[in-house]
Amino acid sequence: QMQLVESGGGSAQPGGSLRLSCLMTETVFVSMAWYRQAPGKGRELVASISRGGTPTFYADSVKGRFTISREDAKNLVYLQMNNLKPKDTAVYCCNRASGNMWTWGQGAQVTVSS
C-alpha cells in the first residue's frame, strides 16, 4: 500500500525559502501534486506535475515563487518555495493529482513569520 512521507517543512521569515520533499514508498508513474491546508481553511491544490515531469498547474497565489519537480529514480516529488509569505503558512501534503487519492501522509508544517 502506497505511503506518502513529506519532509522539509519548518519555519521561515518572509522572503525566505524552503524545499519540501515527498517520498513515495512505491514506484508509480502518475501525475502528482502538492496540496496545502491553512488553519481553519479547506485543502487547496498548490501545484501539479505530469508523469513526464512537466509542471501542469500552479495556484495563482504561488506562481513565480514555487516550483514543482520530480525525481522518479528516487520516488521523490519536490516543492521549492521561494519568497515565502505569511499566507503560505499551512500543512503541505502530496498526493495524486487526479483519480483516487492515496492515504494522506502527515504532511509538512510550513510557518512563515517575522
Protein backbone atom coordinates (compact mmCIF):
# COMPACT_ATOMS: atom_id res chain seq x y z
CA GLN A 1 0.00 0.00 0.00
CA MET A 2 1.36 3.35 -1.02
CA GLN A 3 2.62 5.57 1.76
CA LEU A 4 3.49 9.23 1.35
CA VAL A 5 6.13 10.82 3.56
CA GLU A 6 6.57 14.58 3.42
CA SER A 7 9.62 16.35 4.82
CA GLY A 8 11.46 19.64 4.66
CA GLY A 9 8.97 21.84 6.44
CA GLY A 10 9.86 24.31 9.14
CA SER A 11 9.88 27.98 9.97
CA ALA A 12 10.99 30.73 7.65
CA GLN A 13 10.95 34.50 7.58
CA PRO A 14 9.06 36.35 4.86
CA GLY A 15 11.17 36.27 1.73
CA GLY A 16 12.86 33.05 2.75
CA SER A 17 12.92 29.65 1.06
CA LEU A 18 12.13 26.06 1.91
CA ARG A 19 12.23 22.86 -0.11
CA LEU A 20 9.69 20.16 0.56
CA SER A 21 10.17 16.53 -0.39
CA CYS A 22 7.57 13.82 -0.85
CA LEU A 23 8.77 10.24 -0.72
CA MET A 24 6.53 7.60 -2.26
CA THR A 25 7.10 4.09 -0.93
CA GLU A 26 6.19 2.51 -4.27
CA THR A 27 7.35 3.29 -7.77
CA VAL A 28 4.49 4.73 -9.78
CA PHE A 29 4.26 6.90 -12.85
CA VAL A 30 1.27 9.12 -12.30
CA SER A 31 0.74 12.84 -12.17
CA MET A 32 1.41 14.16 -8.69
CA ALA A 33 0.53 17.29 -6.78
CA TRP A 34 1.21 19.29 -3.69
CA TYR A 35 -1.71 20.48 -1.60
CA ARG A 36 -1.87 22.68 1.48
CA GLN A 37 -4.29 23.35 4.28
CA ALA A 38 -4.07 26.52 6.30
CA PRO A 39 -5.59 26.76 9.78
CA GLY A 40 -9.36 26.95 9.56
CA LYS A 41 -9.41 26.51 5.78
CA GLY A 42 -10.00 23.70 3.33
CA ARG A 43 -7.36 21.82 1.39
CA GLU A 44 -6.01 23.74 -1.60
CA LEU A 45 -4.22 22.46 -4.69
CA VAL A 46 -0.88 24.26 -4.89
CA ALA A 47 0.92 22.68 -7.85
CA SER A 48 0.84 19.57 -10.02
CA ILE A 49 3.28 17.77 -12.29
CA SER A 50 2.75 15.30 -15.11
CA ARG A 51 4.10 11.76 -15.34
CA GLY A 52 6.80 13.09 -17.62
CA GLY A 53 7.93 15.79 -15.22
CA THR A 54 6.21 18.82 -16.75
CA PRO A 55 4.56 21.18 -14.27
CA THR A 56 0.90 21.37 -15.22
CA PHE A 57 -0.61 23.69 -12.63
CA TYR A 58 0.32 26.39 -10.14
CA ALA A 59 -2.17 28.20 -7.96
CA ASP A 60 -2.23 31.91 -8.76
CA SER A 61 -1.05 32.67 -5.25
CA VAL A 62 2.24 30.78 -5.77
CA LYS A 63 3.03 31.39 -9.45
CA GLY A 64 6.54 32.66 -9.93
CA ARG A 65 7.54 31.66 -6.39
CA PHE A 66 7.05 27.88 -6.15
CA THR A 67 8.45 25.17 -8.42
CA ILE A 68 7.32 21.55 -8.50
CA SER A 69 9.63 18.82 -9.78
CA ARG A 70 10.09 15.08 -9.50
CA GLU A 71 12.89 12.53 -9.42
CA ASP A 72 11.32 9.22 -10.37
CA ALA A 73 14.52 7.23 -9.83
CA LYS A 74 14.20 8.06 -6.14
CA ASN A 75 10.38 8.10 -5.93
CA LEU A 76 10.52 11.76 -4.90
CA VAL A 77 8.44 14.83 -5.68
CA TYR A 78 9.72 18.24 -4.63
CA LEU A 79 8.26 21.68 -3.98
CA GLN A 80 10.77 24.50 -3.99
CA MET A 81 9.25 27.50 -2.26
CA ASN A 82 10.90 30.89 -2.64
CA ASN A 83 9.92 34.37 -1.50
CA LEU A 84 7.71 32.88 1.17
CA LYS A 85 4.86 34.95 2.56
CA PRO A 86 2.93 34.63 5.82
CA LYS A 87 -0.11 33.48 3.81
CA ASP A 88 1.90 30.41 2.78
CA THR A 89 1.67 29.12 6.35
CA ALA A 90 -0.03 25.73 6.15
CA VAL A 91 0.43 21.98 6.31
CA TYR A 92 1.67 20.79 2.93
CA CYS A 93 0.86 17.30 1.64
CA CYS A 94 1.48 15.46 -1.60
CA ASN A 95 -0.80 13.03 -3.38
CA ARG A 96 -2.03 12.09 -6.80
CA ALA A 97 -3.11 15.00 -8.98
CA SER A 98 -6.22 13.15 -10.12
CA GLY A 99 -8.08 9.90 -9.63
CA ASN A 100 -8.45 8.04 -6.37
CA MET A 101 -6.25 9.58 -3.72
CA TRP A 102 -3.88 7.51 -1.66
CA THR A 103 -3.98 7.70 2.10
CA TRP A 104 -2.71 11.12 3.10
CA GLY A 105 0.59 11.42 4.88
CA GLN A 106 1.16 13.55 7.96
CA GLY A 107 2.30 16.46 5.86
CA ALA A 108 4.97 19.07 6.40
CA GLN A 109 4.23 22.12 8.51
CA VAL A 110 5.41 25.39 6.98
CA THR A 111 5.27 28.51 9.12
CA VAL A 112 6.21 31.88 7.71
CA SER A 113 6.51 34.74 10.15
CA SER A 114 8.84 37.52 11.14
